[in-house]
Amino acid sequence: MRRLVVAVALAALPAFADEVHLKGGGRVSGEIIEQTGESVTVDIGGGTLTVRASSVVSIERGISPMQEFRRRAAEVPAGDAEAWRDLARWARGNALQSQVEEAYSQVLAILPDDEEANRALGRVQLDGRWVSEEEGYRARGYVEFEGEWMTPAEQRAILADRQAGEEAARRANEERVREIEAEQAAERANAEAESAAFVHGDLPRYGDPVYWGWGAGPTTWPASPQQPIELGGSVGRNW
């Protein structure tokens, strides 16, 4: 993506800019504003681009559109709105958007009602006068919300939808919590029931028959240490 942006910028720049030729056949055109042993920084009009010196094959110095703009701007006669207008159009043709705005601002400083300059700077008419886009929207009752202009009703609808979604998510979360708590309660009840059965009902007690299933052995456990124990038909004492 970065290479594509650079390519687009290069296509709009004339051949007399500084040319930084890169390994692999690429190049960057603009005005070299800094060059060190480690990198080369080029002003390409809408910003700067820095490349590693190790990636540079050669550099061809020229006059960049930025340098040309500055030269022409310095030569504009005071109060000459048409000269600034021509320079703004030239800057637009050379993809110097910041300089387009700069030149049209100079036009407005001389001719505040100039339609071309006002529209180029994003201004709109309100009751016969030119105002900023923001002022125009606010005057018509619009509000800015998350980077967009909309009516208050549209903003309320968006907020209501979000609130409804958040409420639905909250209810779903609470329902899930209740389900988990119910599952945990059921598990605790089962564990308690099993523990009660183990202690009170399902294990052999003294006096309950116990069947060994093989060989000789006592037929019952004594109910107390002094209870006689039956041994193969004879009676003995607990030992």
Protein backbone atom coordinates (compact mmCIF):
# COMPACT_ATOMS: atom_id res chain seq x y z
CA MET A 1 0.00 0.00 0.00
CA ARG A 2 2.81 2.42 0.85
CA ARG A 3 4.48 1.78 -2.50
CA LEU A 4 1.16 2.41 -4.26
CA VAL A 5 0.72 5.76 -2.52
CA VAL A 6 4.24 6.76 -3.48
CA ALA A 7 3.62 5.73 -7.08
CA VAL A 8 0.50 7.88 -7.27
CA ALA A 9 2.39 10.86 -5.86
CA LEU A 10 5.21 10.30 -8.32
CA ALA A 11 2.83 10.27 -11.26
CA ALA A 12 1.62 13.76 -10.36
CA LEU A 13 5.06 15.29 -9.94
CA PRO A 14 7.03 16.81 -12.86
CA ALA A 15 10.40 15.52 -13.93
CA PHE A 16 12.36 18.45 -12.48
CA ALA A 17 11.96 17.31 -8.85
CA ASP A 18 14.74 15.64 -6.89
CA GLU A 19 14.84 11.99 -7.94
CA VAL A 20 15.94 9.34 -5.41
CA HIS A 21 16.53 6.08 -7.25
CA LEU A 22 16.13 2.95 -5.14
CA LYS A 23 17.31 -0.61 -5.39
CA GLY A 24 14.83 -2.75 -7.28
CA GLY A 25 13.92 0.02 -9.73
CA GLY A 26 11.77 2.24 -7.49
CA ARG A 27 12.19 5.97 -7.12
CA VAL A 28 10.95 8.82 -4.95
CA SER A 29 10.40 12.30 -6.39
CA GLY A 30 10.10 15.51 -4.43
CA GLU A 31 12.32 17.88 -2.51
CA ILE A 32 15.11 16.38 -0.45
CA ILE A 33 14.91 18.16 2.90
CA GLU A 34 17.39 16.03 4.83
CA GLN A 35 20.17 13.67 3.85
CA THR A 36 22.44 11.83 6.28
CA GLY A 37 24.66 8.81 6.14
CA GLU A 38 21.74 6.68 7.32
CA SER A 39 18.70 8.05 5.51
CA VAL A 40 17.23 10.44 2.95
CA THR A 41 14.02 12.35 3.71
CA VAL A 42 11.96 13.66 0.80
CA ASP A 43 9.07 16.13 0.92
CA ILE A 44 6.60 14.72 -1.64
CA GLY A 45 4.06 17.54 -1.27
CA GLY A 46 1.46 15.92 0.98
CA GLY A 47 4.00 14.82 3.56
CA THR A 48 7.50 13.41 3.85
CA LEU A 49 8.99 10.03 3.10
CA THR A 50 12.22 8.72 4.59
CA VAL A 51 14.19 5.89 2.99
CA ARG A 52 17.31 4.12 4.23
CA ALA A 53 20.54 5.28 2.65
CA SER A 54 21.46 1.64 2.03
CA SER A 55 18.41 1.38 -0.28
CA VAL A 56 19.45 4.39 -2.40
CA VAL A 57 21.24 3.75 -5.68
CA SER A 58 21.59 7.35 -6.85
CA ILE A 59 20.15 10.84 -6.42
CA GLU A 60 19.39 13.34 -9.18
CA ARG A 61 18.92 16.87 -7.95
CA GLY A 62 16.28 19.06 -9.53
CA ILE A 63 13.70 21.70 -8.68
CA SER A 64 10.75 20.17 -6.87
CA PRO A 65 7.16 21.40 -7.18
CA MET A 66 7.42 22.57 -3.58
CA GLN A 67 10.46 24.68 -4.41
CA GLU A 68 8.69 26.02 -7.48
CA PHE A 69 5.62 26.93 -5.45
CA ARG A 70 7.70 28.81 -2.94
CA ARG A 71 9.51 30.65 -5.71
CA ARG A 72 6.25 31.67 -7.39
CA ALA A 73 4.57 32.62 -4.11
CA ALA A 74 7.45 34.93 -3.27
CA GLU A 75 6.94 36.71 -6.63
CA VAL A 76 3.15 37.28 -6.31
CA PRO A 77 2.46 41.04 -6.17
CA ALA A 78 0.71 42.28 -3.06
CA GLY A 79 -3.06 42.24 -3.41
CA ASP A 80 -3.03 40.22 -6.65
CA ALA A 81 -5.88 37.74 -6.10
CA GLU A 82 -5.68 36.41 -9.65
CA ALA A 83 -2.00 35.54 -9.27
CA TRP A 84 -2.80 33.58 -6.13
CA ARG A 85 -5.70 31.88 -7.91
CA ASP A 86 -3.42 30.81 -10.76
CA LEU A 87 -0.87 29.53 -8.28
CA ALA A 88 -3.57 27.56 -6.43
CA ARG A 89 -4.62 25.89 -9.68
CA TRP A 90 -0.99 25.12 -10.52
CA ALA A 91 -0.46 23.59 -7.05
CA ARG A 92 -3.57 21.43 -7.52
CA GLY A 93 -2.19 20.15 -10.80
CA ASN A 94 0.99 19.15 -9.00
CA ALA A 95 -0.74 17.37 -6.10
CA LEU A 96 0.28 19.99 -3.52
CA GLN A 97 -2.96 20.05 -1.52
CA SER A 98 -1.58 22.00 1.42
CA GLN A 99 -0.28 24.64 -0.95
CA VAL A 100 -3.64 24.72 -2.77
CA GLU A 101 -5.28 25.71 0.50
CA GLU A 102 -2.55 28.22 1.23
CA ALA A 103 -2.98 29.97 -2.11
CA TYR A 104 -6.79 30.02 -1.97
CA SER A 105 -6.60 31.43 1.56
CA GLN A 106 -4.60 34.31 0.10
CA VAL A 107 -7.36 34.80 -2.48
CA LEU A 108 -9.98 35.00 0.29
CA ALA A 109 -7.87 37.49 2.21
CA ILE A 110 -8.26 39.79 -0.80
CA LEU A 111 -11.71 38.71 -2.05
CA PRO A 112 -13.71 37.26 0.89
CA ASP A 113 -16.71 36.43 -1.32
CA ASP A 114 -14.79 34.66 -4.08
CA GLU A 115 -16.85 31.55 -4.87
CA GLU A 116 -14.03 29.44 -6.28
CA ALA A 117 -11.77 29.99 -3.29
CA ASN A 118 -14.57 29.47 -0.77
CA ARG A 119 -15.68 26.20 -2.31
CA ALA A 120 -12.09 25.00 -2.66
CA LEU A 121 -11.68 25.50 1.09
CA GLY A 122 -14.88 23.60 1.89
CA ARG A 123 -16.95 26.64 2.79
CA VAL A 124 -20.69 26.88 2.15
CA GLN A 125 -23.20 29.66 1.74
CA LEU A 126 -25.58 30.45 4.59
CA ASP A 127 -28.07 33.27 4.26
CA GLY A 128 -26.02 34.86 1.53
CA ARG A 129 -22.67 34.66 3.30
CA TRP A 130 -19.83 32.17 3.17
CA VAL A 131 -19.19 30.19 6.35
CA SER A 132 -17.19 27.15 7.31
CA GLU A 133 -18.74 23.75 6.71
CA GLU A 134 -19.01 23.23 10.46
CA GLU A 135 -20.81 26.53 10.98
CA GLY A 136 -23.17 25.73 8.12
CA TYR A 137 -24.12 22.37 9.55
CA ARG A 138 -24.65 23.75 13.04
CA ALA A 139 -26.78 26.59 11.71
CA ARG A 140 -29.07 24.00 10.09
CA GLY A 141 -29.44 22.13 13.36
CA TYR A 142 -27.02 19.28 12.65
CA VAL A 143 -24.76 17.79 15.30
CA GLU A 144 -21.35 16.23 14.88
CA PHE A 145 -21.27 12.66 16.12
CA GLU A 146 -18.26 10.39 15.77
CA GLY A 147 -16.84 12.37 12.88
CA GLU A 148 -20.11 12.69 10.94
CA TRP A 149 -22.78 15.36 10.70
CA MET A 150 -26.37 14.23 11.31
CA THR A 151 -29.68 15.38 12.67
CA PRO A 152 -30.33 15.09 16.42
CA ALA A 153 -33.03 12.48 15.64
CA GLU A 154 -30.50 10.34 13.80
CA GLN A 155 -28.07 10.62 16.69
CA ARG A 156 -30.79 9.63 19.18
CA ALA A 157 -31.74 6.63 17.04
CA ILE A 158 -28.12 5.43 16.96
CA LEU A 159 -27.75 5.84 20.72
CA ALA A 160 -31.09 4.08 21.34
CA ASP A 161 -30.04 1.14 19.19
CA ARG A 162 -26.75 0.87 21.05
CA GLN A 163 -28.48 1.07 24.42
CA ALA A 164 -30.96 -1.63 23.38
CA GLY A 165 -28.12 -3.85 22.25
CA GLU A 166 -26.22 -3.29 25.49
CA GLU A 167 -29.36 -4.05 27.51
CA ALA A 168 -29.98 -7.25 25.57
CA ALA A 169 -26.38 -8.30 26.12
CA ARG A 170 -26.70 -7.53 29.84
CA ARG A 171 -29.87 -9.61 30.17
CA ALA A 172 -28.29 -12.50 28.27
CA ASN A 173 -25.27 -12.34 30.57
CA GLU A 174 -27.45 -12.32 33.69
CA GLU A 175 -29.44 -15.30 32.39
CA ARG A 176 -26.24 -17.20 31.78
CA VAL A 177 -25.06 -16.37 35.31
CA ARG A 178 -28.33 -17.73 36.71
CA GLU A 179 -27.93 -20.92 34.67
CA ILE A 180 -24.41 -21.42 35.98
CA GLU A 181 -25.54 -20.79 39.56
CA ALA A 182 -28.40 -23.29 39.14
CA GLU A 183 -26.00 -25.89 37.78
CA GLN A 184 -23.64 -25.33 40.68
CA ALA A 185 -26.53 -25.57 43.20
CA ALA A 186 -27.66 -28.85 41.63
CA GLU A 187 -24.14 -30.24 41.84
CA ARG A 188 -23.89 -29.24 45.51
CA ALA A 189 -27.28 -30.84 46.26
CA ASN A 190 -26.21 -34.09 44.57
CA ALA A 191 -22.95 -34.09 46.48
CA GLU A 192 -24.75 -33.51 49.77
CA ALA A 193 -27.27 -36.27 49.01
CA GLU A 194 -24.50 -38.73 48.21
CA SER A 195 -22.67 -37.74 51.39
CA ALA A 196 -25.82 -38.25 53.48
CA ALA A 197 -26.46 -41.65 51.92
CA PHE A 198 -22.88 -42.66 52.58
CA VAL A 199 -23.07 -41.68 56.24
CA HIS A 200 -26.62 -42.71 57.14
CA GLY A 201 -27.84 -45.45 54.90
CA ASP A 202 -25.75 -47.24 52.39
CA LEU A 203 -22.70 -48.47 54.38
CA PRO A 204 -22.77 -51.60 56.63
CA ARG A 205 -23.27 -50.99 60.35
CA TYR A 206 -22.68 -53.14 63.41
CA GLY A 207 -25.38 -55.81 63.44
CA ASP A 208 -26.09 -55.70 59.69
CA PRO A 209 -25.51 -58.93 57.76
CA VAL A 210 -22.27 -59.04 55.80
CA TYR A 211 -21.80 -61.75 53.20
CA TRP A 212 -18.22 -62.64 52.56
CA GLY A 213 -18.92 -64.74 49.49
CA TRP A 214 -16.12 -67.22 50.21
CA GLY A 215 -14.71 -69.36 53.01
CA ALA A 216 -15.61 -69.15 56.65
CA GLY A 217 -16.24 -65.85 58.31
CA PRO A 218 -18.62 -64.13 60.65
CA THR A 219 -22.18 -63.88 59.38
CA THR A 220 -22.75 -60.61 61.20
CA TRP A 221 -20.72 -57.79 62.67
CA PRO A 222 -21.18 -57.27 66.40
CA ALA A 223 -23.55 -54.53 67.45
CA SER A 224 -21.17 -53.71 70.30
CA PRO A 225 -17.84 -54.93 71.54
CA GLN A 226 -19.60 -57.25 74.05
CA GLN A 227 -22.14 -58.76 71.62
CA PRO A 228 -21.55 -62.48 70.91
CA ILE A 229 -20.25 -63.35 67.49
CA GLU A 230 -21.49 -66.39 65.67
CA LEU A 231 -18.63 -68.49 64.34
CA GLY A 232 -19.73 -71.39 62.13
CA GLY A 233 -22.67 -72.23 64.34
CA SER A 234 -20.83 -71.83 67.68
CA VAL A 235 -21.00 -68.85 69.95
CA GLY A 236 -17.90 -67.04 71.01
CA ARG A 237 -16.94 -63.73 72.49
CA ASN A 238 -15.51 -60.77 70.76
CA TRP A 239 -11.73 -61.02 70.70
